């Protein structure tokens, strides 16, 4: 297992992170998975034995049950230096202040997560989503307070747009508040929107990148194929709608290329898709999830798979996003003075 620094922090995390949305099975999360303590413990132990040192969860997963299960497994003194990341922002009650990124909600949400996780400190506390109604000054002051109180070690964000992140970083600098060390984003071969702004921002501003649903909810696993019904037991079979697929023909072209490379290498299509992400300069870690030991065993093997330059070009050929304005103008007129951050978008296009 390889370990990379998380943004500008001194914290090293494994290139594969364990996701836990399949724990609990309550409410909307039931279609993702409903693992109990015993089943979840086996998967956690498998990941730790493979070298995974970060486990990611969120308070909203099964309305707290996911954190409770994880707390039963790793609560108290942590073994093998295991790190825990969780998130807050979404609704956790019926009251008007039981949602959002207000000081009220974040402080109470963090304290509730600490109780459920049976721990004194959360290693990475992330804003799960943007809140356009709470001033960033208030949100960042609340996160700063949690760090100073010793309840949180590092803070990050998730699902922010480019301007949201830059505004937050600007407020942090101006107000001398704790700065985001990472962002957690959706990024796959099928959904490469993050290359327009989120990845360049990460390189330029020194943010770590954690990738959620790196197999597009299983669509890139190789189990879903053109002109075939979704396999029984998959999220799509259960009606899961994330991520949205805007060009189905493009999706199947990507899947077919993944399968072809996988067959040539004697590995799974899922491993190829994950290895492509791990090989991106801006990506720190991919978050894998699942309901079975076989799924985790297969995904964990991606940490050892290195794609060739030719294989990456084949994948780019079927998945590159269009160069939108102002990027097409920059590509045409400014390619002689591109930064490392710029190359997160332009690099694959220049290599064609």
Protein backbone atom coordinates (compact mmCIF):
# COMPACT_ATOMS: atom_id res chain seq x y z
CA UNK A 1 0.00 0.00 0.00
CA UNK A 2 1.27 3.47 -0.90
CA UNK A 3 0.73 6.42 1.46
CA UNK A 4 0.43 10.04 0.33
CA UNK A 5 0.40 13.32 2.20
CA UNK A 6 -3.10 14.73 2.58
CA UNK A 7 -2.85 18.16 1.00
CA UNK A 8 -0.43 20.51 2.74
CA UNK A 9 -0.76 18.62 6.01
CA UNK A 10 1.82 16.21 7.38
CA UNK A 11 -0.78 13.44 7.57
CA UNK A 12 -0.18 10.42 5.33
CA UNK A 13 -3.12 8.34 4.16
CA UNK A 14 -3.37 5.18 2.08
CA UNK A 15 -4.17 5.50 -1.63
CA UNK A 16 -7.24 3.38 -0.88
CA UNK A 17 -9.72 4.53 1.78
CA UNK A 18 -12.48 2.33 3.17
CA UNK A 19 -16.01 3.65 2.64
CA UNK A 20 -18.80 2.58 4.98
CA UNK A 21 -22.10 3.61 3.41
CA UNK A 22 -23.10 -0.07 3.28
CA UNK A 23 -23.16 -0.21 7.10
CA UNK A 24 -26.55 0.09 8.80
CA UNK A 25 -29.13 -0.15 6.05
CA UNK A 26 -31.60 2.43 7.36
CA UNK A 27 -33.71 4.83 5.32
CA UNK A 28 -32.44 5.71 1.85
CA UNK A 29 -29.12 3.95 2.55
CA UNK A 30 -30.81 0.54 2.63
CA UNK A 31 -30.53 0.22 -1.15
CA UNK A 32 -26.76 0.60 -0.80
CA UNK A 33 -26.30 -2.05 1.90
CA UNK A 34 -27.43 -3.19 5.32
CA UNK A 35 -24.35 -4.71 6.95
CA UNK A 36 -24.40 -5.29 10.71
CA UNK A 37 -21.51 -5.20 13.16
CA UNK A 38 -20.22 -8.74 12.55
CA UNK A 39 -20.19 -8.42 8.75
CA UNK A 40 -18.74 -4.92 8.86
CA UNK A 41 -16.00 -5.99 11.28
CA UNK A 42 -14.72 -8.61 8.83
CA UNK A 43 -14.49 -6.00 6.08
CA UNK A 44 -12.80 -3.44 8.32
CA UNK A 45 -10.22 -6.01 9.42
CA UNK A 46 -9.59 -6.99 5.80
CA UNK A 47 -8.93 -3.38 4.80
CA UNK A 48 -6.66 -2.70 7.78
CA UNK A 49 -4.70 -5.88 7.08
CA UNK A 50 -4.22 -4.66 3.49
CA UNK A 51 -2.70 -1.41 4.74
CA UNK A 52 -5.71 0.92 4.57
CA UNK A 53 -5.34 3.53 7.31
CA UNK A 54 -8.35 5.79 6.66
CA UNK A 55 -12.01 4.87 7.11
CA UNK A 56 -14.61 7.34 5.84
CA UNK A 57 -18.17 7.71 7.06
CA UNK A 58 -20.83 10.40 7.59
CA UNK A 59 -23.49 11.15 10.18
CA UNK A 60 -26.25 10.99 7.57
CA UNK A 61 -25.39 7.42 6.50
CA UNK A 62 -28.31 5.41 7.92
CA UNK A 63 -29.07 8.42 10.17
CA UNK A 64 -26.17 7.70 12.50
CA UNK A 65 -26.34 3.90 12.51
CA UNK A 66 -23.32 3.66 10.24
CA UNK A 67 -21.19 5.66 12.71
CA UNK A 68 -22.51 3.55 15.57
CA UNK A 69 -21.46 0.33 13.85
CA UNK A 70 -18.04 1.75 13.09
CA UNK A 71 -17.76 2.87 16.70
CA UNK A 72 -18.46 -0.67 17.88
CA UNK A 73 -15.61 -1.91 15.68
CA UNK A 74 -12.85 0.65 16.16
CA UNK A 75 -14.05 2.79 19.10
CA UNK A 76 -11.68 3.40 22.00
CA UNK A 77 -7.90 3.16 21.52
CA UNK A 78 -7.22 2.92 17.78
CA UNK A 79 -5.17 0.00 16.53
CA UNK A 80 -2.58 0.18 13.75
CA UNK A 81 -2.86 3.97 13.48
CA UNK A 82 -6.31 3.82 11.89
CA UNK A 83 -7.74 7.24 11.02
CA UNK A 84 -11.43 8.13 10.91
CA UNK A 85 -13.09 10.71 8.67
CA UNK A 86 -16.71 11.71 8.94
CA UNK A 87 -18.95 14.41 7.53
CA UNK A 88 -21.77 16.72 8.56
CA UNK A 89 -24.21 19.14 6.92
CA UNK A 90 -27.30 17.12 5.99
CA UNK A 91 -30.49 16.87 8.01
CA UNK A 92 -30.25 14.79 11.20
CA UNK A 93 -33.53 15.74 12.86
CA UNK A 94 -36.87 17.47 12.42
CA UNK A 95 -35.89 20.83 13.89
CA UNK A 96 -35.16 23.93 11.81
CA UNK A 97 -31.50 23.88 12.92
CA UNK A 98 -30.90 20.15 12.45
CA UNK A 99 -29.29 20.74 9.06
CA UNK A 100 -26.79 23.06 7.40
CA UNK A 101 -23.36 24.40 8.30
CA UNK A 102 -24.28 26.82 11.07
CA UNK A 103 -22.18 26.93 14.23
CA UNK A 104 -25.17 25.46 16.07
CA UNK A 105 -25.51 22.47 13.78
CA UNK A 106 -21.83 21.70 13.22
CA UNK A 107 -20.87 21.77 16.90
CA UNK A 108 -23.80 19.57 17.92
CA UNK A 109 -23.31 17.26 14.93
CA UNK A 110 -19.63 16.79 15.73
CA UNK A 111 -20.33 15.99 19.38
CA UNK A 112 -22.99 13.46 18.31
CA UNK A 113 -20.57 11.83 15.87
CA UNK A 114 -17.92 11.56 18.59
CA UNK A 115 -20.41 9.73 20.81
CA UNK A 116 -21.51 7.35 18.07
CA UNK A 117 -17.93 6.64 17.00
CA UNK A 118 -16.87 6.11 20.63
CA UNK A 119 -13.81 8.29 20.17
CA UNK A 120 -12.37 11.51 21.58
CA UNK A 121 -11.24 12.94 18.25
CA UNK A 122 -12.19 12.82 14.57
CA UNK A 123 -9.14 12.84 12.32
CA UNK A 124 -10.80 14.49 9.31
CA UNK A 125 -14.08 16.38 9.69
CA UNK A 126 -15.66 17.35 6.37
CA UNK A 127 -18.47 19.63 5.31
CA UNK A 128 -20.62 17.19 3.35
CA UNK A 129 -22.16 19.79 1.05
CA UNK A 130 -22.32 23.54 0.42
CA UNK A 131 -24.66 25.66 2.55
CA UNK A 132 -25.55 28.86 0.72
CA UNK A 133 -27.49 30.32 3.66
CA UNK A 134 -24.81 30.26 6.37
CA UNK A 135 -21.97 32.81 6.17
CA UNK A 136 -18.64 31.07 5.59
CA UNK A 137 -17.19 33.13 8.42
CA UNK A 138 -19.55 31.36 10.83
CA UNK A 139 -18.95 27.89 9.38
CA UNK A 140 -15.16 28.18 9.37
CA UNK A 141 -15.11 29.65 12.88
CA UNK A 142 -17.08 26.63 14.08
CA UNK A 143 -14.63 24.22 12.44
CA UNK A 144 -11.72 26.19 13.87
CA UNK A 145 -13.28 25.93 17.34
CA UNK A 146 -13.59 22.15 17.01
CA UNK A 147 -9.90 21.89 16.10
CA UNK A 148 -8.81 24.12 18.98
CA UNK A 149 -10.95 22.07 21.37
CA UNK A 150 -9.15 18.91 20.26
CA UNK A 151 -12.31 17.28 18.92
CA UNK A 152 -11.12 17.43 15.30
CA UNK A 153 -7.61 17.21 13.85
CA UNK A 154 -8.13 18.32 10.24
CA UNK A 155 -11.03 19.81 8.26
CA UNK A 156 -12.13 19.40 4.67
CA UNK A 157 -15.08 19.89 2.34
CA UNK A 158 -17.06 17.77 -0.06
CA UNK A 159 -19.14 18.51 -3.16
CA UNK A 160 -18.13 22.18 -3.28
CA UNK A 161 -17.80 24.03 -6.58
CA UNK A 162 -14.59 25.78 -7.53
CA UNK A 163 -15.74 29.22 -6.39
CA UNK A 164 -17.08 27.79 -3.13
CA UNK A 165 -13.65 26.33 -2.31
CA UNK A 166 -11.71 29.45 -3.27
CA UNK A 167 -14.06 31.66 -1.25
CA UNK A 168 -13.66 29.38 1.78
CA UNK A 169 -9.87 29.36 1.48
CA UNK A 170 -9.89 33.13 1.19
CA UNK A 171 -12.02 33.51 4.31
CA UNK A 172 -9.77 31.09 6.20
CA UNK A 173 -6.70 33.11 5.30
CA UNK A 174 -8.31 36.46 6.09
CA UNK A 175 -9.83 35.34 9.38
CA UNK A 176 -6.84 33.12 10.31
CA UNK A 177 -9.10 30.08 10.64
CA UNK A 178 -8.24 26.42 10.18
CA UNK A 179 -7.84 25.74 6.46
CA UNK A 180 -9.30 22.85 4.45
CA UNK A 181 -6.68 20.16 3.87
CA UNK A 182 -8.82 18.20 1.41
CA UNK A 183 -11.92 17.95 -0.68
CA UNK A 184 -13.98 14.81 -1.25
CA UNK A 185 -15.38 14.70 -4.77
CA UNK A 186 -17.05 12.48 -7.33
CA UNK A 187 -14.55 11.74 -10.09
CA UNK A 188 -14.45 8.78 -12.47
CA UNK A 189 -13.54 7.95 -16.05
CA UNK A 190 -17.20 8.50 -16.88
CA UNK A 191 -17.56 11.76 -14.89
CA UNK A 192 -14.45 13.88 -15.43
CA UNK A 193 -16.10 17.25 -14.66
CA UNK A 194 -13.67 17.75 -11.74
CA UNK A 195 -10.86 18.34 -14.24
CA UNK A 196 -12.26 21.75 -15.19
CA UNK A 197 -11.70 23.40 -11.80
CA UNK A 198 -11.63 21.08 -8.78
CA UNK A 199 -8.43 19.20 -9.64
CA UNK A 200 -6.53 22.33 -10.78
CA UNK A 201 -7.58 24.05 -7.54
CA UNK A 202 -6.32 21.08 -5.54
CA UNK A 203 -2.90 21.23 -7.19
CA UNK A 204 -2.67 25.02 -7.00
CA UNK A 205 -3.93 25.35 -3.42
CA UNK A 206 -2.43 22.18 -1.95
CA UNK A 207 -5.64 20.27 -1.21
CA UNK A 208 -5.82 16.52 -0.93
CA UNK A 209 -8.44 14.77 -3.05
CA UNK A 210 -10.56 11.88 -1.80
CA UNK A 211 -12.75 10.33 -4.50
CA UNK A 212 -16.18 9.02 -3.59
CA UNK A 213 -17.97 6.38 -5.68
CA UNK A 214 -14.89 5.88 -7.90
CA UNK A 215 -16.66 3.10 -9.81
CA UNK A 216 -19.74 5.26 -10.50
CA UNK A 217 -21.91 3.18 -8.15
CA UNK A 218 -20.68 0.01 -9.84
CA UNK A 219 -21.24 1.11 -13.45
CA UNK A 220 -17.49 0.84 -14.15
CA UNK A 221 -17.05 -2.51 -12.42
CA UNK A 222 -17.43 -4.47 -15.65
CA UNK A 223 -20.62 -6.12 -14.40
CA UNK A 224 -22.82 -3.63 -16.26
CA UNK A 225 -22.70 -3.99 -20.05
CA UNK A 226 -24.29 -2.46 -23.12
CA UNK A 227 -27.85 -3.64 -23.87
CA UNK A 228 -28.05 -5.69 -20.68
CA UNK A 229 -30.31 -5.18 -17.68
CA UNK A 230 -28.66 -4.10 -14.43
CA UNK A 231 -27.50 -7.15 -12.43
CA UNK A 232 -29.75 -8.05 -9.53
CA UNK A 233 -28.39 -6.67 -6.27
CA UNK A 234 -26.67 -3.68 -7.89
CA UNK A 235 -27.51 -0.10 -6.95
CA UNK A 236 -28.93 0.57 -10.40
CA UNK A 237 -31.21 -2.46 -10.03
CA UNK A 238 -32.43 -0.94 -6.76
CA UNK A 239 -33.12 2.44 -8.38
CA UNK A 240 -29.96 4.36 -7.41
CA UNK A 241 -29.64 7.51 -9.54
CA UNK A 242 -26.11 8.74 -8.80
CA UNK A 243 -24.21 9.58 -10.90
CA UNK A 244 -26.50 10.87 -13.68
CA UNK A 245 -25.53 9.39 -17.06
CA UNK A 246 -25.83 12.03 -19.79
CA UNK A 247 -24.35 10.02 -22.66
CA UNK A 248 -25.09 6.31 -22.38
CA UNK A 249 -23.19 5.42 -25.55
CA UNK A 250 -20.07 7.08 -24.15
CA UNK A 251 -20.47 5.16 -20.89
CA UNK A 252 -20.53 1.80 -22.68
CA UNK A 253 -17.55 2.79 -24.83
CA UNK A 254 -15.63 3.46 -21.61
CA UNK A 255 -16.77 0.18 -20.05
CA UNK A 256 -15.74 -1.80 -23.14
CA UNK A 257 -12.28 -0.21 -23.10
CA UNK A 258 -11.93 -0.94 -19.38
CA UNK A 259 -12.90 -4.57 -19.95
CA UNK A 260 -10.48 -4.92 -22.88
CA UNK A 261 -7.54 -3.59 -20.86
CA UNK A 262 -8.56 -5.69 -17.86
CA UNK A 263 -8.65 -8.86 -19.97
CA UNK A 264 -5.19 -8.07 -21.35
CA UNK A 265 -3.79 -7.56 -17.86
CA UNK A 266 -5.64 -10.45 -16.23
CA UNK A 267 -7.40 -8.20 -13.71
CA UNK A 268 -10.92 -6.86 -13.22
CA UNK A 269 -12.34 -3.80 -14.97
CA UNK A 270 -12.91 -2.30 -11.52
CA UNK A 271 -9.19 -2.51 -10.76
CA UNK A 272 -8.35 -0.73 -14.02
CA UNK A 273 -10.83 2.06 -13.28
CA UNK A 274 -9.45 2.52 -9.77
CA UNK A 275 -5.83 2.37 -10.93
CA UNK A 276 -6.57 5.10 -13.48
CA UNK A 277 -7.74 7.36 -10.65
CA UNK A 278 -4.86 6.50 -8.30
CA UNK A 279 -2.49 7.38 -11.14
CA UNK A 280 -3.84 10.93 -11.45
CA UNK A 281 -1.42 13.38 -9.86
CA UNK A 282 -4.05 15.33 -7.92
CA UNK A 283 -5.78 12.27 -6.41
CA UNK A 284 -4.73 11.30 -2.90
CA UNK A 285 -7.02 8.35 -2.24
CA UNK A 286 -10.03 6.52 -3.69
CA UNK A 287 -12.84 5.48 -1.37
CA UNK A 288 -13.96 1.91 -1.98
CA UNK A 289 -17.14 0.38 -0.66
CA UNK A 290 -19.08 -2.82 -0.97
CA UNK A 291 -21.13 -5.48 0.71
CA UNK A 292 -18.90 -8.53 0.30
CA UNK A 293 -15.35 -9.60 1.04
CA UNK A 294 -14.90 -10.44 -2.66
CA UNK A 295 -15.70 -6.84 -3.67
CA UNK A 296 -13.23 -5.39 -1.18
CA UNK A 297 -10.52 -7.93 -2.02
CA UNK A 298 -10.79 -7.09 -5.71
CA UNK A 299 -10.83 -3.31 -5.16
CA UNK A 300 -7.90 -3.40 -2.73
CA UNK A 301 -5.76 -5.07 -5.40
CA UNK A 302 -6.00 -1.88 -7.49
CA UNK A 303 -3.47 -0.25 -5.15
CA UNK A 304 -0.77 -2.41 -6.78
CA UNK A 305 -1.84 -1.96 -10.41
CA UNK A 306 0.10 0.55 -12.52
CA UNK A 307 -1.29 1.42 -15.92
CA UNK A 308 0.99 2.04 -18.86
CA UNK A 309 1.01 5.34 -20.75
CA UNK A 310 -0.58 3.58 -23.72
CA UNK A 311 -3.38 2.19 -21.56
CA UNK A 312 -4.07 5.63 -20.14
CA UNK A 313 -4.23 7.10 -23.66
CA UNK A 314 -6.73 4.42 -24.69
CA UNK A 315 -8.92 5.35 -21.75
CA UNK A 316 -8.55 9.06 -22.50
CA UNK A 317 -9.62 8.44 -26.09
CA UNK A 318 -13.09 7.28 -24.97
CA UNK A 319 -13.56 9.47 -21.90
CA UNK A 320 -11.98 12.92 -22.34
CA UNK A 321 -14.48 15.69 -21.58
CA UNK A 322 -14.92 18.51 -24.12
CA UNK A 323 -12.78 21.59 -23.54
CA UNK A 324 -15.29 24.30 -22.58
CA UNK A 325 -14.78 28.08 -22.68
CA UNK A 326 -12.52 29.70 -21.50
CA UNK A 327 -10.41 26.55 -21.53
CA UNK A 328 -10.50 26.00 -25.31
CA UNK A 329 -9.22 29.53 -25.76
CA UNK A 330 -6.44 28.95 -23.23
CA UNK A 331 -5.53 25.67 -24.89
CA UNK A 332 -5.30 27.40 -28.28
CA UNK A 333 -3.40 30.48 -27.18
CA UNK A 334 -1.69 29.86 -23.82
CA UNK A 335 -0.29 26.33 -24.05
CA UNK A 336 3.25 27.74 -23.92
CA UNK A 337 2.76 28.98 -20.33
CA UNK A 338 0.70 26.35 -18.51
CA UNK A 339 1.13 25.59 -14.82
CA UNK A 340 1.04 22.18 -13.16
CA UNK A 341 -2.50 23.01 -12.09
CA UNK A 342 -3.51 23.85 -15.68
CA UNK A 343 -2.18 20.50 -16.85
CA UNK A 344 -4.71 18.63 -14.72
CA UNK A 345 -7.20 19.58 -17.43
CA UNK A 346 -5.00 20.20 -20.47
CA UNK A 347 -2.41 17.42 -20.04
CA UNK A 348 -4.40 14.59 -21.67
CA UNK A 349 -5.51 16.89 -24.50
CA UNK A 350 -1.92 17.95 -25.25
CA UNK A 351 -0.83 14.29 -25.29
CA UNK A 352 -3.35 13.30 -27.97
